[in-house]
Amino acid sequence: AKGLSVNDIATLLSISHKTVATYQTRLKRKLNIQSPIDLVKI
């Protein structure tokens, strides 16, 4: 939501890019997010 890239998030949280992508998928499912705009609105 703050605008960080997958690479930035992976570095900051010390996790892999693949793990960040997995969390993105979970967030879309749990929060019914269809687009980045939906995420920012929430």
All heavy atoms as atom14 arrays in JSON, in Angstrom:
{
  "sequence": "AKGLSVNDIATLLSISHKTVATYQTRLKRKLNIQSPIDLVKI",
  "atom14_mask": [
    [1, 1, 1, 1, 1, 0, 0, 0, 0, 0, 0, 0, 0, 0],
    [1, 1, 1, 1, 1, 1, 1, 1, 1, 0, 0, 0, 0, 0],
    [1, 1, 1, 1, 0, 0, 0, 0, 0, 0, 0, 0, 0, 0],
    [1, 1, 1, 1, 1, 1, 1, 1, 0, 0, 0, 0, 0, 0],
    [1, 1, 1, 1, 1, 1, 0, 0, 0, 0, 0, 0, 0, 0],
    [1, 1, 1, 1, 1, 1, 1, 0, 0, 0, 0, 0, 0, 0],
    [1, 1, 1, 1, 1, 1, 1, 1, 0, 0, 0, 0, 0, 0],
    [1, 1, 1, 1, 1, 1, 1, 1, 0, 0, 0, 0, 0, 0],
    [1, 1, 1, 1, 1, 1, 1, 1, 0, 0, 0, 0, 0, 0],
    [1, 1, 1, 1, 1, 0, 0, 0, 0, 0, 0, 0, 0, 0],
    [1, 1, 1, 1, 1, 1, 1, 0, 0, 0, 0, 0, 0, 0],
    [1, 1, 1, 1, 1, 1, 1, 1, 0, 0, 0, 0, 0, 0],
    [1, 1, 1, 1, 1, 1, 1, 1, 0, 0, 0, 0, 0, 0],
    [1, 1, 1, 1, 1, 1, 0, 0, 0, 0, 0, 0, 0, 0],
    [1, 1, 1, 1, 1, 1, 1, 1, 0, 0, 0, 0, 0, 0],
    [1, 1, 1, 1, 1, 1, 0, 0, 0, 0, 0, 0, 0, 0],
    [1, 1, 1, 1, 1, 1, 1, 1, 1, 1, 0, 0, 0, 0],
    [1, 1, 1, 1, 1, 1, 1, 1, 1, 0, 0, 0, 0, 0],
    [1, 1, 1, 1, 1, 1, 1, 0, 0, 0, 0, 0, 0, 0],
    [1, 1, 1, 1, 1, 1, 1, 0, 0, 0, 0, 0, 0, 0],
    [1, 1, 1, 1, 1, 0, 0, 0, 0, 0, 0, 0, 0, 0],
    [1, 1, 1, 1, 1, 1, 1, 0, 0, 0, 0, 0, 0, 0],
    [1, 1, 1, 1, 1, 1, 1, 1, 1, 1, 1, 1, 0, 0],
    [1, 1, 1, 1, 1, 1, 1, 1, 1, 0, 0, 0, 0, 0],
    [1, 1, 1, 1, 1, 1, 1, 0, 0, 0, 0, 0, 0, 0],
    [1, 1, 1, 1, 1, 1, 1, 1, 1, 1, 1, 0, 0, 0],
    [1, 1, 1, 1, 1, 1, 1, 1, 0, 0, 0, 0, 0, 0],
    [1, 1, 1, 1, 1, 1, 1, 1, 1, 0, 0, 0, 0, 0],
    [1, 1, 1, 1, 1, 1, 1, 1, 1, 1, 1, 0, 0, 0],
    [1, 1, 1, 1, 1, 1, 1, 1, 1, 0, 0, 0, 0, 0],
    [1, 1, 1, 1, 1, 1, 1, 1, 0, 0, 0, 0, 0, 0],
    [1, 1, 1, 1, 1, 1, 1, 1, 0, 0, 0, 0, 0, 0],
    [1, 1, 1, 1, 1, 1, 1, 1, 0, 0, 0, 0, 0, 0],
    [1, 1, 1, 1, 1, 1, 1, 1, 1, 0, 0, 0, 0, 0],
    [1, 1, 1, 1, 1, 1, 0, 0, 0, 0, 0, 0, 0, 0],
    [1, 1, 1, 1, 1, 1, 1, 0, 0, 0, 0, 0, 0, 0],
    [1, 1, 1, 1, 1, 1, 1, 1, 0, 0, 0, 0, 0, 0],
    [1, 1, 1, 1, 1, 1, 1, 1, 0, 0, 0, 0, 0, 0],
    [1, 1, 1, 1, 1, 1, 1, 1, 0, 0, 0, 0, 0, 0],
    [1, 1, 1, 1, 1, 1, 1, 0, 0, 0, 0, 0, 0, 0],
    [1, 1, 1, 1, 1, 1, 1, 1, 1, 0, 0, 0, 0, 0],
    [1, 1, 1, 1, 1, 1, 1, 1, 0, 0, 0, 0, 0, 0]
  ],
  "atom14_positions": [
    [[0.83, -1.21, 0.0], [0.0, 0.0, 0.0], [0.86, 1.26, 0.0], [0.46, 2.29, -0.55], [-0.94, -0.01, 1.2], [0.0, 0.0, 0.0], [0.0, 0.0, 0.0], [0.0, 0.0, 0.0], [0.0, 0.0, 0.0], [0.0, 0.0, 0.0], [0.0, 0.0, 0.0], [0.0, 0.0, 0.0], [0.0, 0.0, 0.0], [0.0, 0.0, 0.0]],
    [[2.04, 1.18, 0.61], [2.95, 2.33, 0.65], [3.69, 2.51, -0.67], [4.39, 3.51, -0.85], [3.97, 2.16, 1.78], [3.39, 2.34, 3.18], [4.42, 2.11, 4.25], [5.53, 3.13, 4.21], [6.52, 2.93, 5.32], [0.0, 0.0, 0.0], [0.0, 0.0, 0.0], [0.0, 0.0, 0.0], [0.0, 0.0, 0.0], [0.0, 0.0, 0.0]],
    [[3.54, 1.54, -1.57], [4.15, 1.67, -2.89], [5.46, 0.97, -3.07], [6.15, 1.16, -4.08], [0.0, 0.0, 0.0], [0.0, 0.0, 0.0], [0.0, 0.0, 0.0], [0.0, 0.0, 0.0], [0.0, 0.0, 0.0], [0.0, 0.0, 0.0], [0.0, 0.0, 0.0], [0.0, 0.0, 0.0], [0.0, 0.0, 0.0], [0.0, 0.0, 0.0]],
    [[5.86, 0.12, -2.11], [7.12, -0.59, -2.24], [7.01, -1.7, -3.28], [5.96, -2.32, -3.44], [7.56, -1.2, -0.89], [8.39, -0.27, 0.02], [7.53, 0.86, 0.55], [8.98, -1.07, 1.17], [0.0, 0.0, 0.0], [0.0, 0.0, 0.0], [0.0, 0.0, 0.0], [0.0, 0.0, 0.0], [0.0, 0.0, 0.0], [0.0, 0.0, 0.0]],
    [[8.09, -1.96, -3.99], [8.13, -3.01, -5.0], [8.33, -4.37, -4.34], [8.67, -4.46, -3.15], [9.28, -2.76, -5.97], [10.53, -2.91, -5.31], [0.0, 0.0, 0.0], [0.0, 0.0, 0.0], [0.0, 0.0, 0.0], [0.0, 0.0, 0.0], [0.0, 0.0, 0.0], [0.0, 0.0, 0.0], [0.0, 0.0, 0.0], [0.0, 0.0, 0.0]],
    [[8.12, -5.42, -5.12], [8.35, -6.78, -4.61], [9.79, -6.94, -4.14], [10.06, -7.53, -3.08], [8.03, -7.83, -5.71], [8.51, -9.22, -5.28], [6.54, -7.85, -6.01], [0.0, 0.0, 0.0], [0.0, 0.0, 0.0], [0.0, 0.0, 0.0], [0.0, 0.0, 0.0], [0.0, 0.0, 0.0], [0.0, 0.0, 0.0], [0.0, 0.0, 0.0]],
    [[10.72, -6.38, -4.9], [12.14, -6.46, -4.54], [12.4, -5.74, -3.21], [13.11, -6.27, -2.34], [12.98, -5.84, -5.64], [14.48, -5.98, -5.36], [15.0, -7.09, -5.24], [15.16, -4.85, -5.26], [0.0, 0.0, 0.0], [0.0, 0.0, 0.0], [0.0, 0.0, 0.0], [0.0, 0.0, 0.0], [0.0, 0.0, 0.0], [0.0, 0.0, 0.0]],
    [[11.81, -4.55, -3.05], [12.0, -3.79, -1.81], [11.43, -4.54, -0.61], [12.04, -4.59, 0.46], [11.31, -2.43, -1.92], [12.02, -1.49, -2.89], [13.22, -1.71, -3.14], [11.36, -0.57, -3.41], [0.0, 0.0, 0.0], [0.0, 0.0, 0.0], [0.0, 0.0, 0.0], [0.0, 0.0, 0.0], [0.0, 0.0, 0.0], [0.0, 0.0, 0.0]],
    [[10.24, -5.12, -0.78], [9.58, -5.85, 0.31], [10.4, -7.09, 0.69], [10.6, -7.38, 1.87], [8.15, -6.25, -0.08], [7.29, -5.0, -0.27], [7.52, -7.15, 0.98], [5.92, -5.26, -0.86], [0.0, 0.0, 0.0], [0.0, 0.0, 0.0], [0.0, 0.0, 0.0], [0.0, 0.0, 0.0], [0.0, 0.0, 0.0], [0.0, 0.0, 0.0]],
    [[10.87, -7.81, -0.32], [11.68, -9.01, -0.07], [12.94, -8.65, 0.72], [13.3, -9.34, 1.68], [12.04, -9.67, -1.39], [0.0, 0.0, 0.0], [0.0, 0.0, 0.0], [0.0, 0.0, 0.0], [0.0, 0.0, 0.0], [0.0, 0.0, 0.0], [0.0, 0.0, 0.0], [0.0, 0.0, 0.0], [0.0, 0.0, 0.0], [0.0, 0.0, 0.0]],
    [[13.59, -7.56, 0.33], [14.81, -7.13, 1.03], [14.5, -6.69, 2.45], [15.2, -7.06, 3.39], [15.47, -5.97, 0.26], [15.8, -6.41, -1.06], [16.73, -5.51, 0.97], [0.0, 0.0, 0.0], [0.0, 0.0, 0.0], [0.0, 0.0, 0.0], [0.0, 0.0, 0.0], [0.0, 0.0, 0.0], [0.0, 0.0, 0.0], [0.0, 0.0, 0.0]],
    [[13.45, -5.9, 2.61], [13.11, -5.35, 3.92], [12.73, -6.44, 4.91], [13.11, -6.4, 6.09], [11.96, -4.36, 3.77], [11.6, -3.51, 4.99], [12.76, -2.65, 5.42], [10.39, -2.64, 4.69], [0.0, 0.0, 0.0], [0.0, 0.0, 0.0], [0.0, 0.0, 0.0], [0.0, 0.0, 0.0], [0.0, 0.0, 0.0], [0.0, 0.0, 0.0]],
    [[11.97, -7.44, 4.45], [11.49, -8.5, 5.34], [12.38, -9.74, 5.33], [12.07, -10.73, 6.01], [10.06, -8.9, 4.96], [9.01, -7.78, 5.01], [7.62, -8.33, 4.65], [8.97, -7.14, 6.39], [0.0, 0.0, 0.0], [0.0, 0.0, 0.0], [0.0, 0.0, 0.0], [0.0, 0.0, 0.0], [0.0, 0.0, 0.0], [0.0, 0.0, 0.0]],
    [[13.46, -9.68, 4.54], [14.4, -10.81, 4.45], [13.71, -12.1, 4.02], [13.89, -13.17, 4.62], [15.12, -11.02, 5.8], [15.83, -9.88, 6.18], [0.0, 0.0, 0.0], [0.0, 0.0, 0.0], [0.0, 0.0, 0.0], [0.0, 0.0, 0.0], [0.0, 0.0, 0.0], [0.0, 0.0, 0.0], [0.0, 0.0, 0.0], [0.0, 0.0, 0.0]],
    [[12.89, -11.98, 2.99], [12.22, -13.15, 2.41], [12.43, -13.13, 0.9], [12.9, -12.14, 0.34], [10.7, -13.16, 2.72], [10.03, -11.86, 2.24], [10.46, -13.35, 4.2], [8.53, -11.8, 2.5], [0.0, 0.0, 0.0], [0.0, 0.0, 0.0], [0.0, 0.0, 0.0], [0.0, 0.0, 0.0], [0.0, 0.0, 0.0], [0.0, 0.0, 0.0]],
    [[12.11, -14.24, 0.23], [12.34, -14.33, -1.21], [11.24, -13.62, -2.0], [10.16, -13.35, -1.48], [12.39, -15.8, -1.63], [11.1, -16.39, -1.51], [0.0, 0.0, 0.0], [0.0, 0.0, 0.0], [0.0, 0.0, 0.0], [0.0, 0.0, 0.0], [0.0, 0.0, 0.0], [0.0, 0.0, 0.0], [0.0, 0.0, 0.0], [0.0, 0.0, 0.0]],
    [[11.54, -13.33, -3.26], [10.54, -12.72, -4.13], [9.33, -13.64, -4.28], [8.18, -13.18, -4.33], [11.14, -12.45, -5.52], [12.19, -11.37, -5.5], [12.69, -10.8, -6.64], [12.83, -10.75, -4.49], [13.59, -9.88, -6.34], [13.7, -9.84, -5.03], [0.0, 0.0, 0.0], [0.0, 0.0, 0.0], [0.0, 0.0, 0.0], [0.0, 0.0, 0.0]],
    [[9.6, -14.95, -4.36], [8.53, -15.92, -4.5], [7.6, -15.88, -3.29], [6.37, -15.99, -3.43], [9.12, -17.33, -4.66], [8.07, -18.41, -4.88], [8.72, -19.77, -5.1], [7.65, -20.84, -5.32], [8.27, -22.18, -5.52], [0.0, 0.0, 0.0], [0.0, 0.0, 0.0], [0.0, 0.0, 0.0], [0.0, 0.0, 0.0], [0.0, 0.0, 0.0]],
    [[8.18, -15.71, -2.1], [7.36, -15.65, -0.88], [6.49, -14.4, -0.88], [5.32, -14.44, -0.49], [8.27, -15.66, 0.37], [9.05, -16.85, 0.37], [7.43, -15.61, 1.65], [0.0, 0.0, 0.0], [0.0, 0.0, 0.0], [0.0, 0.0, 0.0], [0.0, 0.0, 0.0], [0.0, 0.0, 0.0], [0.0, 0.0, 0.0], [0.0, 0.0, 0.0]],
    [[7.06, -13.27, -1.33], [6.27, -12.04, -1.43], [5.09, -12.26, -2.38], [3.96, -11.86, -2.1], [7.13, -10.86, -1.9], [6.26, -9.61, -2.11], [8.23, -10.56, -0.91], [0.0, 0.0, 0.0], [0.0, 0.0, 0.0], [0.0, 0.0, 0.0], [0.0, 0.0, 0.0], [0.0, 0.0, 0.0], [0.0, 0.0, 0.0], [0.0, 0.0, 0.0]],
    [[5.36, -12.91, -3.51], [4.31, -13.18, -4.49], [3.21, -14.06, -3.89], [2.02, -13.87, -4.16], [4.9, -13.84, -5.73], [0.0, 0.0, 0.0], [0.0, 0.0, 0.0], [0.0, 0.0, 0.0], [0.0, 0.0, 0.0], [0.0, 0.0, 0.0], [0.0, 0.0, 0.0], [0.0, 0.0, 0.0], [0.0, 0.0, 0.0], [0.0, 0.0, 0.0]],
    [[3.64, -15.02, -3.06], [2.65, -15.89, -2.39], [1.76, -15.09, -1.46], [0.54, -15.28, -1.43], [3.38, -16.99, -1.59], [4.15, -17.8, -2.49], [2.37, -17.87, -0.84], [0.0, 0.0, 0.0], [0.0, 0.0, 0.0], [0.0, 0.0, 0.0], [0.0, 0.0, 0.0], [0.0, 0.0, 0.0], [0.0, 0.0, 0.0], [0.0, 0.0, 0.0]],
    [[2.36, -14.16, -0.72], [1.56, -13.3, 0.16], [0.63, -12.41, -0.63], [-0.51, -12.14, -0.21], [2.48, -12.46, 1.05], [3.06, -13.21, 2.22], [4.44, -13.34, 2.38], [2.23, -13.8, 3.16], [4.97, -14.05, 3.45], [2.75, -14.5, 4.24], [4.13, -14.63, 4.38], [4.64, -15.32, 5.44], [0.0, 0.0, 0.0], [0.0, 0.0, 0.0]],
    [[1.08, -11.92, -1.77], [0.22, -11.1, -2.62], [-1.03, -11.89, -3.04], [-2.15, -11.36, -3.03], [0.97, -10.64, -3.87], [1.97, -9.52, -3.62], [2.69, -9.1, -4.88], [3.22, -9.94, -5.61], [2.7, -7.81, -5.15], [0.0, 0.0, 0.0], [0.0, 0.0, 0.0], [0.0, 0.0, 0.0], [0.0, 0.0, 0.0], [0.0, 0.0, 0.0]],
    [[-0.83, -13.15, -3.4], [-1.94, -14.01, -3.8], [-2.91, -14.21, -2.65], [-4.14, -14.15, -2.81], [-1.42, -15.37, -4.3], [-0.54, -15.17, -5.41], [-2.57, -16.27, -4.72], [0.0, 0.0, 0.0], [0.0, 0.0, 0.0], [0.0, 0.0, 0.0], [0.0, 0.0, 0.0], [0.0, 0.0, 0.0], [0.0, 0.0, 0.0], [0.0, 0.0, 0.0]],
    [[-2.38, -14.44, -1.46], [-3.23, -14.62, -0.27], [-4.03, -13.35, 0.02], [-5.22, -13.43, 0.37], [-2.37, -14.96, 0.95], [-1.73, -16.33, 0.91], [-0.95, -16.55, 2.19], [-0.14, -17.75, 2.18], [0.7, -18.11, 3.14], [0.84, -17.33, 4.2], [1.4, -19.21, 3.05], [0.0, 0.0, 0.0], [0.0, 0.0, 0.0], [0.0, 0.0, 0.0]],
    [[-3.38, -12.2, -0.1], [-4.06, -10.93, 0.16], [-5.2, -10.7, -0.82], [-6.29, -10.26, -0.43], [-3.07, -9.78, 0.08], [-2.04, -9.69, 1.21], [-0.95, -8.67, 0.88], [-2.71, -9.33, 2.53], [0.0, 0.0, 0.0], [0.0, 0.0, 0.0], [0.0, 0.0, 0.0], [0.0, 0.0, 0.0], [0.0, 0.0, 0.0], [0.0, 0.0, 0.0]],
    [[-4.98, -11.0, -2.08], [-6.03, -10.84, -3.09], [-7.24, -11.71, -2.76], [-8.38, -11.29, -2.91], [-5.48, -11.2, -4.47], [-4.5, -10.2, -5.03], [-3.96, -10.65, -6.39], [-2.95, -9.64, -6.93], [-2.37, -10.09, -8.22], [0.0, 0.0, 0.0], [0.0, 0.0, 0.0], [0.0, 0.0, 0.0], [0.0, 0.0, 0.0], [0.0, 0.0, 0.0]],
    [[-6.96, -12.92, -2.29], [-8.04, -13.84, -1.96], [-8.77, -13.41, -0.69], [-10.01, -13.35, -0.67], [-7.49, -15.26, -1.79], [-8.59, -16.31, -1.54], [-8.02, -17.69, -1.36], [-7.28, -17.83, -0.11], [-5.97, -17.95, -0.03], [-5.22, -17.92, -1.12], [-5.37, -18.08, 1.14], [0.0, 0.0, 0.0], [0.0, 0.0, 0.0], [0.0, 0.0, 0.0]],
    [[-8.03, -13.1, 0.35], [-8.64, -12.77, 1.64], [-9.4, -11.44, 1.61], [-10.43, -11.28, 2.28], [-7.58, -12.71, 2.74], [-7.07, -14.07, 3.19], [-6.17, -13.93, 4.42], [-5.78, -15.28, 4.98], [-4.99, -15.18, 6.22], [0.0, 0.0, 0.0], [0.0, 0.0, 0.0], [0.0, 0.0, 0.0], [0.0, 0.0, 0.0], [0.0, 0.0, 0.0]],
    [[-8.87, -10.47, 0.85], [-9.46, -9.13, 0.84], [-10.26, -8.84, -0.42], [-10.77, -7.74, -0.6], [-8.35, -8.08, 1.0], [-7.49, -8.19, 2.26], [-6.41, -7.12, 2.25], [-8.35, -8.07, 3.51], [0.0, 0.0, 0.0], [0.0, 0.0, 0.0], [0.0, 0.0, 0.0], [0.0, 0.0, 0.0], [0.0, 0.0, 0.0], [0.0, 0.0, 0.0]],
    [[-10.36, -9.86, -1.29], [-11.12, -9.72, -2.55], [-10.59, -8.54, -3.36], [-11.36, -7.68, -3.84], [-12.61, -9.54, -2.26], [-13.46, -9.71, -3.51], [-13.06, -10.41, -4.46], [-14.61, -9.05, -3.55], [0.0, 0.0, 0.0], [0.0, 0.0, 0.0], [0.0, 0.0, 0.0], [0.0, 0.0, 0.0], [0.0, 0.0, 0.0], [0.0, 0.0, 0.0]],
    [[-9.28, -8.49, -3.52], [-8.63, -7.42, -4.25], [-8.54, -7.79, -5.73], [-8.04, -8.85, -6.09], [-7.22, -7.16, -3.69], [-7.3, -6.61, -2.26], [-6.44, -6.2, -4.59], [-5.96, -6.53, -1.57], [0.0, 0.0, 0.0], [0.0, 0.0, 0.0], [0.0, 0.0, 0.0], [0.0, 0.0, 0.0], [0.0, 0.0, 0.0], [0.0, 0.0, 0.0]],
    [[-9.05, -6.89, -6.57], [-9.01, -7.12, -8.0], [-7.91, -6.31, -8.7], [-7.49, -6.66, -9.8], [-10.37, -6.74, -8.62], [-11.56, -7.45, -8.01], [-11.49, -8.95, -8.18], [-11.04, -9.44, -9.22], [-11.92, -9.7, -7.17], [0.0, 0.0, 0.0], [0.0, 0.0, 0.0], [0.0, 0.0, 0.0], [0.0, 0.0, 0.0], [0.0, 0.0, 0.0]],
    [[-7.47, -5.25, -8.06], [-6.46, -4.38, -8.68], [-5.67, -3.66, -7.58], [-6.09, -3.6, -6.43], [-7.14, -3.34, -9.57], [-7.84, -2.39, -8.78], [0.0, 0.0, 0.0], [0.0, 0.0, 0.0], [0.0, 0.0, 0.0], [0.0, 0.0, 0.0], [0.0, 0.0, 0.0], [0.0, 0.0, 0.0], [0.0, 0.0, 0.0], [0.0, 0.0, 0.0]],
    [[-4.5, -3.09, -7.96], [-3.73, -2.32, -6.98], [-4.52, -1.16, -6.39], [-4.33, -0.8, -5.23], [-2.54, -1.81, -7.81], [-2.38, -2.81, -8.9], [-3.78, -3.24, -9.24], [0.0, 0.0, 0.0], [0.0, 0.0, 0.0], [0.0, 0.0, 0.0], [0.0, 0.0, 0.0], [0.0, 0.0, 0.0], [0.0, 0.0, 0.0], [0.0, 0.0, 0.0]],
    [[-5.42, -0.59, -7.18], [-6.25, 0.52, -6.68], [-7.15, 0.03, -5.55], [-7.35, 0.73, -4.56], [-7.1, 1.12, -7.83], [-6.19, 1.78, -8.86], [-8.1, 2.13, -7.28], [-6.92, 2.32, -10.06], [0.0, 0.0, 0.0], [0.0, 0.0, 0.0], [0.0, 0.0, 0.0], [0.0, 0.0, 0.0], [0.0, 0.0, 0.0], [0.0, 0.0, 0.0]],
    [[-7.69, -1.19, -5.69], [-8.52, -1.77, -4.62], [-7.73, -1.87, -3.32], [-8.24, -1.57, -2.24], [-9.02, -3.17, -5.02], [-10.06, -3.13, -6.12], [-10.66, -2.06, -6.33], [-10.26, -4.16, -6.78], [0.0, 0.0, 0.0], [0.0, 0.0, 0.0], [0.0, 0.0, 0.0], [0.0, 0.0, 0.0], [0.0, 0.0, 0.0], [0.0, 0.0, 0.0]],
    [[-6.48, -2.3, -3.44], [-5.64, -2.47, -2.26], [-5.42, -1.13, -1.56], [-5.55, -1.04, -0.34], [-4.3, -3.11, -2.65], [-3.38, -3.5, -1.49], [-2.58, -4.75, -1.85], [-2.4, -2.36, -1.17], [0.0, 0.0, 0.0], [0.0, 0.0, 0.0], [0.0, 0.0, 0.0], [0.0, 0.0, 0.0], [0.0, 0.0, 0.0], [0.0, 0.0, 0.0]],
    [[-5.11, -0.1, -2.33], [-4.87, 1.22, -1.74], [-6.14, 1.77, -1.1], [-6.1, 2.36, -0.01], [-4.34, 2.2, -2.81], [-4.26, 3.62, -2.24], [-2.96, 1.76, -3.31], [0.0, 0.0, 0.0], [0.0, 0.0, 0.0], [0.0, 0.0, 0.0], [0.0, 0.0, 0.0], [0.0, 0.0, 0.0], [0.0, 0.0, 0.0], [0.0, 0.0, 0.0]],
    [[-7.29, 1.53, -1.74], [-8.57, 1.99, -1.18], [-8.84, 1.34, 0.16], [-9.26, 1.99, 1.12], [-9.71, 1.69, -2.15], [-9.79, 2.62, -3.36], [-10.97, 2.25, -4.24], [-11.1, 3.22, -5.41], [-12.23, 2.85, -6.31], [0.0, 0.0, 0.0], [0.0, 0.0, 0.0], [0.0, 0.0, 0.0], [0.0, 0.0, 0.0], [0.0, 0.0, 0.0]],
    [[-8.59, 0.04, 0.25], [-8.8, -0.68, 1.52], [-7.87, -0.12, 2.58], [-8.27, 0.11, 3.72], [-8.56, -2.2, 1.32], [-9.66, -2.8, 0.44], [-8.54, -2.91, 2.68], [-9.4, -4.24, 0.07], [0.0, 0.0, 0.0], [0.0, 0.0, 0.0], [0.0, 0.0, 0.0], [0.0, 0.0, 0.0], [0.0, 0.0, 0.0], [0.0, 0.0, 0.0]]
  ]
}
